[in-house]
């Protein structure tokens, strides 16, 4: 039988594949206390999300070599029609690709993607560095992405926002209000990978 290995990174809650594989032999030994056996980790991961006909609020938690809009959304073929973040937009044209003021995709923005039919979005990339991805937001409503690889309680995910700066947050389906001395309360209880959110702040805020 073939022995394969994986590596679990508890900081990002991500499982990585190990390149090396070994054919099992009884009593096999690799390496010793002075000359250890070393593995090479494949750190890229595959992400995917079902995009439905109509509007989809989404974000990206991986970084690929090519973050152009055509490369990132190549898996959708001709099923996409229109996309926008808070500042820019692009239309999709059959036989040409995306055209508009939105040219590159990042890990901090929420994108509203309009689909003509259901399709599976997929992309391979490196996990976003959560503690180094800074959200630089203004007072009022901001469209934000979500960088972790696993779901988090909303209070944990937004813990680095100074108390009182956040007022309200909503996903495409749920919402939550912030109450001083209590925290978040509403139908939105967790934040999830590949989904997008609109958050209202009482003043300009930077946080990870």
C-alpha atoms as a PDB file:
ATOM      1  CA  UNK A   1       0.000   0.000   0.000  1.00  0.00           C
ATOM      2  CA  UNK A   2       1.006   3.617  -0.508  1.00  0.00           C
ATOM      3  CA  UNK A   3       1.475   5.848   2.535  1.00  0.00           C
ATOM      4  CA  UNK A   4       0.458   9.486   2.087  1.00  0.00           C
ATOM      5  CA  UNK A   5       0.652  12.378   4.545  1.00  0.00           C
ATOM      6  CA  UNK A   6      -1.110  15.642   5.322  1.00  0.00           C
ATOM      7  CA  UNK A   7      -0.228  18.601   7.537  1.00  0.00           C
ATOM      8  CA  UNK A   8      -2.739  20.472   9.702  1.00  0.00           C
ATOM      9  CA  UNK A   9      -2.111  24.165  10.391  1.00  0.00           C
ATOM     10  CA  UNK A  10      -4.088  25.051  13.533  1.00  0.00           C
ATOM     11  CA  UNK A  11      -3.558  28.796  13.047  1.00  0.00           C
ATOM     12  CA  UNK A  12      -5.500  28.858   9.776  1.00  0.00           C
ATOM     13  CA  UNK A  13      -7.525  25.650  10.301  1.00  0.00           C
ATOM     14  CA  UNK A  14      -6.162  24.408   6.971  1.00  0.00           C
ATOM     15  CA  UNK A  15      -5.084  20.927   5.855  1.00  0.00           C
ATOM     16  CA  UNK A  16      -2.181  20.778   3.394  1.00  0.00           C
ATOM     17  CA  UNK A  17      -1.073  17.857   1.237  1.00  0.00           C
ATOM     18  CA  UNK A  18       2.462  16.463   1.537  1.00  0.00           C
ATOM     19  CA  UNK A  19       4.269  15.816  -1.749  1.00  0.00           C
ATOM     20  CA  UNK A  20       6.126  12.666  -0.642  1.00  0.00           C
ATOM     21  CA  UNK A  21       4.551   9.217  -0.843  1.00  0.00           C
ATOM     22  CA  UNK A  22       6.061   5.893   0.272  1.00  0.00           C
ATOM     23  CA  UNK A  23       5.337   2.296  -0.553  1.00  0.00           C
ATOM     24  CA  UNK A  24       4.708   0.448   2.695  1.00  0.00           C
ATOM     25  CA  UNK A  25       7.267  -2.186   3.682  1.00  0.00           C
ATOM     26  CA  UNK A  26       7.097  -4.065   6.993  1.00  0.00           C
ATOM     27  CA  UNK A  27       9.372  -2.500   9.679  1.00  0.00           C
ATOM     28  CA  UNK A  28      10.317   0.382   7.357  1.00  0.00           C
ATOM     29  CA  UNK A  29      12.282   3.285   8.881  1.00  0.00           C
ATOM     30  CA  UNK A  30      12.980   6.716   7.412  1.00  0.00           C
ATOM     31  CA  UNK A  31      15.415   9.106   9.036  1.00  0.00           C
ATOM     32  CA  UNK A  32      16.889   9.046  12.515  1.00  0.00           C
ATOM     33  CA  UNK A  33      17.503  11.376  15.442  1.00  0.00           C
ATOM     34  CA  UNK A  34      20.427  13.130  13.729  1.00  0.00           C
ATOM     35  CA  UNK A  35      19.204  12.981  10.129  1.00  0.00           C
ATOM     36  CA  UNK A  36      15.446  13.507  10.043  1.00  0.00           C
ATOM     37  CA  UNK A  37      13.189  12.754   7.102  1.00  0.00           C
ATOM     38  CA  UNK A  38      11.818  16.014   5.704  1.00  0.00           C
ATOM     39  CA  UNK A  39       8.550  16.513   3.877  1.00  0.00           C
ATOM     40  CA  UNK A  40       7.592  19.168   1.331  1.00  0.00           C
ATOM     41  CA  UNK A  41       4.183  20.734   1.898  1.00  0.00           C
ATOM     42  CA  UNK A  42       1.911  21.721  -0.960  1.00  0.00           C
ATOM     43  CA  UNK A  43       0.544  24.939   0.503  1.00  0.00           C
ATOM     44  CA  UNK A  44      -1.921  25.861  -2.217  1.00  0.00           C
ATOM     45  CA  UNK A  45      -5.541  24.942  -1.569  1.00  0.00           C
ATOM     46  CA  UNK A  46      -8.669  24.558  -3.674  1.00  0.00           C
ATOM     47  CA  UNK A  47     -11.758  26.618  -2.842  1.00  0.00           C
ATOM     48  CA  UNK A  48     -15.176  26.368  -4.427  1.00  0.00           C
ATOM     49  CA  UNK A  49     -18.653  27.807  -4.009  1.00  0.00           C
ATOM     50  CA  UNK A  50     -21.963  27.283  -5.727  1.00  0.00           C
ATOM     51  CA  UNK A  51     -23.066  30.476  -7.480  1.00  0.00           C
ATOM     52  CA  UNK A  52     -26.774  30.702  -8.188  1.00  0.00           C
ATOM     53  CA  UNK A  53     -28.707  32.479 -10.919  1.00  0.00           C
ATOM     54  CA  UNK A  54     -29.217  36.077  -9.849  1.00  0.00           C
ATOM     55  CA  UNK A  55     -27.131  37.968  -7.304  1.00  0.00           C
ATOM     56  CA  UNK A  56     -24.444  36.376  -5.138  1.00  0.00           C
ATOM     57  CA  UNK A  57     -22.530  38.170  -2.364  1.00  0.00           C
ATOM     58  CA  UNK A  58     -19.058  36.684  -2.297  1.00  0.00           C
ATOM     59  CA  UNK A  59     -15.435  37.268  -1.297  1.00  0.00           C
ATOM     60  CA  UNK A  60     -12.092  35.536  -1.713  1.00  0.00           C
ATOM     61  CA  UNK A  61      -9.839  34.014   0.980  1.00  0.00           C
ATOM     62  CA  UNK A  62      -6.989  32.820  -1.256  1.00  0.00           C
ATOM     63  CA  UNK A  63      -4.396  34.593  -3.379  1.00  0.00           C
ATOM     64  CA  UNK A  64      -3.472  33.236  -6.816  1.00  0.00           C
ATOM     65  CA  UNK A  65      -0.522  34.146  -9.039  1.00  0.00           C
ATOM     66  CA  UNK A  66      -2.943  35.943 -11.363  1.00  0.00           C
ATOM     67  CA  UNK A  67      -5.621  37.957  -9.546  1.00  0.00           C
ATOM     68  CA  UNK A  68      -7.067  39.548 -12.681  1.00  0.00           C
ATOM     69  CA  UNK A  69     -10.839  39.296 -12.906  1.00  0.00           C
ATOM     70  CA  UNK A  70     -10.627  37.051 -16.000  1.00  0.00           C
ATOM     71  CA  UNK A  71      -8.296  34.585 -14.255  1.00  0.00           C
ATOM     72  CA  UNK A  72     -10.131  34.476 -10.933  1.00  0.00           C
ATOM     73  CA  UNK A  73     -13.560  33.863 -12.456  1.00  0.00           C
ATOM     74  CA  UNK A  74     -12.467  31.651 -15.368  1.00  0.00           C
ATOM     75  CA  UNK A  75     -14.318  28.650 -13.872  1.00  0.00           C
ATOM     76  CA  UNK A  76     -17.682  30.351 -14.431  1.00  0.00           C
ATOM     77  CA  UNK A  77     -17.309  30.366 -18.232  1.00  0.00           C
ATOM     78  CA  UNK A  78     -20.247  32.260 -19.744  1.00  0.00           C
ATOM     79  CA  UNK A  79     -22.562  31.892 -16.715  1.00  0.00           C
ATOM     80  CA  UNK A  80     -21.652  35.288 -15.220  1.00  0.00           C
ATOM     81  CA  UNK A  81     -23.094  38.614 -16.383  1.00  0.00           C
ATOM     82  CA  UNK A  82     -21.988  41.421 -14.096  1.00  0.00           C
ATOM     83  CA  UNK A  83     -19.852  42.061 -10.996  1.00  0.00           C
ATOM     84  CA  UNK A  84     -19.218  45.040  -8.753  1.00  0.00           C
ATOM     85  CA  UNK A  85     -17.510  45.906  -5.496  1.00  0.00           C
ATOM     86  CA  UNK A  86     -18.160  49.112  -3.587  1.00  0.00           C
ATOM     87  CA  UNK A  87     -16.235  51.267  -6.051  1.00  0.00           C
ATOM     88  CA  UNK A  88     -15.869  49.473  -9.396  1.00  0.00           C
ATOM     89  CA  UNK A  89     -17.753  47.209 -11.801  1.00  0.00           C
ATOM     90  CA  UNK A  90     -17.340  44.970 -14.847  1.00  0.00           C
ATOM     91  CA  UNK A  91     -19.609  43.332 -17.442  1.00  0.00           C
ATOM     92  CA  UNK A  92     -18.979  39.922 -18.981  1.00  0.00           C
ATOM     93  CA  UNK A  93     -19.068  39.631 -22.789  1.00  0.00           C
ATOM     94  CA  UNK A  94     -19.170  36.242 -24.536  1.00  0.00           C
ATOM     95  CA  UNK A  95     -16.014  35.662 -26.528  1.00  0.00           C
ATOM     96  CA  UNK A  96     -14.204  38.578 -24.892  1.00  0.00           C
ATOM     97  CA  UNK A  97     -14.334  38.285 -21.109  1.00  0.00           C
ATOM     98  CA  UNK A  98     -14.741  40.930 -18.434  1.00  0.00           C
ATOM     99  CA  UNK A  99     -14.676  44.622 -19.272  1.00  0.00           C
ATOM    100  CA  UNK A 100     -15.073  47.590 -16.941  1.00  0.00           C
ATOM    101  CA  UNK A 101     -13.393  49.539 -14.155  1.00  0.00           C
ATOM    102  CA  UNK A 102     -13.011  46.427 -11.951  1.00  0.00           C
ATOM    103  CA  UNK A 103      -9.874  44.666 -13.222  1.00  0.00           C
ATOM    104  CA  UNK A 104      -8.363  42.826 -10.210  1.00  0.00           C
ATOM    105  CA  UNK A 105      -9.785  40.881  -7.267  1.00  0.00           C
ATOM    106  CA  UNK A 106      -8.529  41.258  -3.676  1.00  0.00           C
ATOM    107  CA  UNK A 107      -9.086  39.656  -0.256  1.00  0.00           C
ATOM    108  CA  UNK A 108     -10.711  42.602   1.513  1.00  0.00           C
ATOM    109  CA  UNK A 109     -13.654  43.439  -0.746  1.00  0.00           C
ATOM    110  CA  UNK A 110     -17.116  41.976  -1.015  1.00  0.00           C
ATOM    111  CA  UNK A 111     -18.286  41.427  -4.589  1.00  0.00           C
ATOM    112  CA  UNK A 112     -21.856  41.305  -5.839  1.00  0.00           C
ATOM    113  CA  UNK A 113     -21.839  38.830  -8.720  1.00  0.00           C
ATOM    114  CA  UNK A 114     -24.828  38.470 -11.039  1.00  0.00           C
ATOM    115  CA  UNK A 115     -25.210  35.069 -12.699  1.00  0.00           C
ATOM    116  CA  UNK A 116     -27.398  34.103 -15.652  1.00  0.00           C
ATOM    117  CA  UNK A 117     -27.493  30.488 -14.438  1.00  0.00           C
ATOM    118  CA  UNK A 118     -26.162  28.272 -11.646  1.00  0.00           C
ATOM    119  CA  UNK A 119     -22.453  27.438 -11.855  1.00  0.00           C
ATOM    120  CA  UNK A 120     -19.621  26.286  -9.596  1.00  0.00           C
ATOM    121  CA  UNK A 121     -16.914  28.827  -8.792  1.00  0.00           C
ATOM    122  CA  UNK A 122     -13.511  27.231  -8.126  1.00  0.00           C
ATOM    123  CA  UNK A 123      -9.987  28.544  -7.670  1.00  0.00           C
ATOM    124  CA  UNK A 124      -6.602  27.281  -6.485  1.00  0.00           C
ATOM    125  CA  UNK A 125      -4.386  29.615  -4.486  1.00  0.00           C
ATOM    126  CA  UNK A 126      -2.467  30.325  -1.315  1.00  0.00           C
ATOM    127  CA  UNK A 127      -4.517  30.950   1.856  1.00  0.00           C
ATOM    128  CA  UNK A 128      -4.870  34.645   2.653  1.00  0.00           C
ATOM    129  CA  UNK A 129      -2.657  35.756   5.544  1.00  0.00           C
ATOM    130  CA  UNK A 130      -5.416  36.673   7.963  1.00  0.00           C
ATOM    131  CA  UNK A 131      -3.298  38.568  10.492  1.00  0.00           C
ATOM    132  CA  UNK A 132      -1.699  40.660   7.730  1.00  0.00           C
ATOM    133  CA  UNK A 133      -4.840  41.461   5.738  1.00  0.00           C
ATOM    134  CA  UNK A 134      -5.862  44.917   6.959  1.00  0.00           C
ATOM    135  CA  UNK A 135      -9.402  46.209   6.452  1.00  0.00           C
ATOM    136  CA  UNK A 136      -9.166  50.002   6.137  1.00  0.00           C
ATOM    137  CA  UNK A 137     -12.774  51.152   6.326  1.00  0.00           C
ATOM    138  CA  UNK A 138     -14.536  54.490   6.456  1.00  0.00           C
ATOM    139  CA  UNK A 139     -17.451  55.632   8.563  1.00  0.00           C
ATOM    140  CA  UNK A 140     -20.779  54.400   7.208  1.00  0.00           C
ATOM    141  CA  UNK A 141     -21.438  51.302   5.124  1.00  0.00           C
ATOM    142  CA  UNK A 142     -18.529  49.206   3.823  1.00  0.00           C
ATOM    143  CA  UNK A 143     -18.533  46.092   1.636  1.00  0.00           C
ATOM    144  CA  UNK A 144     -16.083  43.622   3.202  1.00  0.00           C
ATOM    145  CA  UNK A 145     -14.776  40.140   2.469  1.00  0.00           C
ATOM    146  CA  UNK A 146     -13.846  37.338   4.859  1.00  0.00           C
ATOM    147  CA  UNK A 147     -10.257  36.014   4.910  1.00  0.00           C
ATOM    148  CA  UNK A 148     -10.179  32.948   7.261  1.00  0.00           C
ATOM    149  CA  UNK A 149     -10.436  29.399   5.894  1.00  0.00           C
ATOM    150  CA  UNK A 150     -13.094  28.332   8.418  1.00  0.00           C
ATOM    151  CA  UNK A 151     -16.268  29.814   9.868  1.00  0.00           C
ATOM    152  CA  UNK A 152     -16.005  31.942  13.006  1.00  0.00           C
ATOM    153  CA  UNK A 153     -18.461  33.316  15.514  1.00  0.00           C
ATOM    154  CA  UNK A 154     -19.165  36.927  14.518  1.00  0.00           C
ATOM    155  CA  UNK A 155     -17.815  38.239  17.824  1.00  0.00           C
ATOM    156  CA  UNK A 156     -14.525  36.413  17.283  1.00  0.00           C
ATOM    157  CA  UNK A 157     -14.194  37.354  13.615  1.00  0.00           C
ATOM    158  CA  UNK A 158     -14.720  41.070  14.355  1.00  0.00           C
ATOM    159  CA  UNK A 159     -12.995  41.158  17.758  1.00  0.00           C
ATOM    160  CA  UNK A 160     -10.304  43.578  16.537  1.00  0.00           C
ATOM    161  CA  UNK A 161     -12.827  46.322  15.800  1.00  0.00           C
ATOM    162  CA  UNK A 162     -12.704  48.765  18.751  1.00  0.00           C
ATOM    163  CA  UNK A 163     -15.805  48.505  20.918  1.00  0.00           C
ATOM    164  CA  UNK A 164     -18.510  50.851  19.739  1.00  0.00           C
ATOM    165  CA  UNK A 165     -17.098  51.443  16.236  1.00  0.00           C
ATOM    166  CA  UNK A 166     -19.268  48.776  14.595  1.00  0.00           C
ATOM    167  CA  UNK A 167     -23.025  49.273  14.492  1.00  0.00           C
ATOM    168  CA  UNK A 168     -24.544  46.775  12.076  1.00  0.00           C
ATOM    169  CA  UNK A 169     -23.566  43.950   9.725  1.00  0.00           C
ATOM    170  CA  UNK A 170     -25.490  41.929   7.168  1.00  0.00           C
ATOM    171  CA  UNK A 171     -24.870  39.085   4.769  1.00  0.00           C
ATOM    172  CA  UNK A 172     -27.077  38.377   1.768  1.00  0.00           C
ATOM    173  CA  UNK A 173     -29.561  36.568   4.031  1.00  0.00           C
ATOM    174  CA  UNK A 174     -28.946  37.570   7.662  1.00  0.00           C
ATOM    175  CA  UNK A 175     -28.100  40.566   9.851  1.00  0.00           C
ATOM    176  CA  UNK A 176     -26.855  41.501  13.303  1.00  0.00           C
ATOM    177  CA  UNK A 177     -26.739  44.690  15.422  1.00  0.00           C
ATOM    178  CA  UNK A 178     -24.003  45.607  17.896  1.00  0.00           C
ATOM    179  CA  UNK A 179     -24.999  46.601  21.439  1.00  0.00           C
ATOM    180  CA  UNK A 180     -22.497  48.169  23.842  1.00  0.00           C
ATOM    181  CA  UNK A 181     -21.898  45.934  26.835  1.00  0.00           C
ATOM    182  CA  UNK A 182     -23.492  42.937  25.119  1.00  0.00           C
ATOM    183  CA  UNK A 183     -22.019  42.404  21.664  1.00  0.00           C
ATOM    184  CA  UNK A 184     -23.629  41.223  18.452  1.00  0.00           C
ATOM    185  CA  UNK A 185     -27.265  40.147  18.334  1.00  0.00           C
ATOM    186  CA  UNK A 186     -29.352  39.075  15.353  1.00  0.00           C
ATOM    187  CA  UNK A 187     -29.852  36.322  12.801  1.00  0.00           C
ATOM    188  CA  UNK A 188     -26.228  36.570  11.557  1.00  0.00           C
ATOM    189  CA  UNK A 189     -24.250  34.514  14.095  1.00  0.00           C
ATOM    190  CA  UNK A 190     -21.211  33.284  12.116  1.00  0.00           C
ATOM    191  CA  UNK A 191     -19.094  34.572   9.242  1.00  0.00           C
ATOM    192  CA  UNK A 192     -18.194  32.076   6.531  1.00  0.00           C
ATOM    193  CA  UNK A 193     -15.509  31.633   3.840  1.00  0.00           C
ATOM    194  CA  UNK A 194     -16.283  32.949   0.346  1.00  0.00           C
ATOM    195  CA  UNK A 195     -19.246  35.020   1.524  1.00  0.00           C
ATOM    196  CA  UNK A 196     -19.461  38.825   1.505  1.00  0.00           C
ATOM    197  CA  UNK A 197     -20.810  41.285   4.063  1.00  0.00           C
ATOM    198  CA  UNK A 198     -21.912  44.905   4.462  1.00  0.00           C
ATOM    199  CA  UNK A 199     -20.850  46.498   7.760  1.00  0.00           C
ATOM    200  CA  UNK A 200     -21.781  49.889   9.159  1.00  0.00           C
ATOM    201  CA  UNK A 201     -19.184  51.759  11.252  1.00  0.00           C
ATOM    202  CA  UNK A 202     -19.641  54.857  13.379  1.00  0.00           C
ATOM    203  CA  UNK A 203     -16.112  56.062  12.509  1.00  0.00           C
ATOM    204  CA  UNK A 204     -13.214  55.167  10.249  1.00  0.00           C
ATOM    205  CA  UNK A 205     -11.538  51.968  11.431  1.00  0.00           C
ATOM    206  CA  UNK A 206      -8.582  49.756  10.562  1.00  0.00           C
ATOM    207  CA  UNK A 207      -8.606  46.136  11.743  1.00  0.00           C
ATOM    208  CA  UNK A 208      -7.562  42.578  10.858  1.00  0.00           C
END
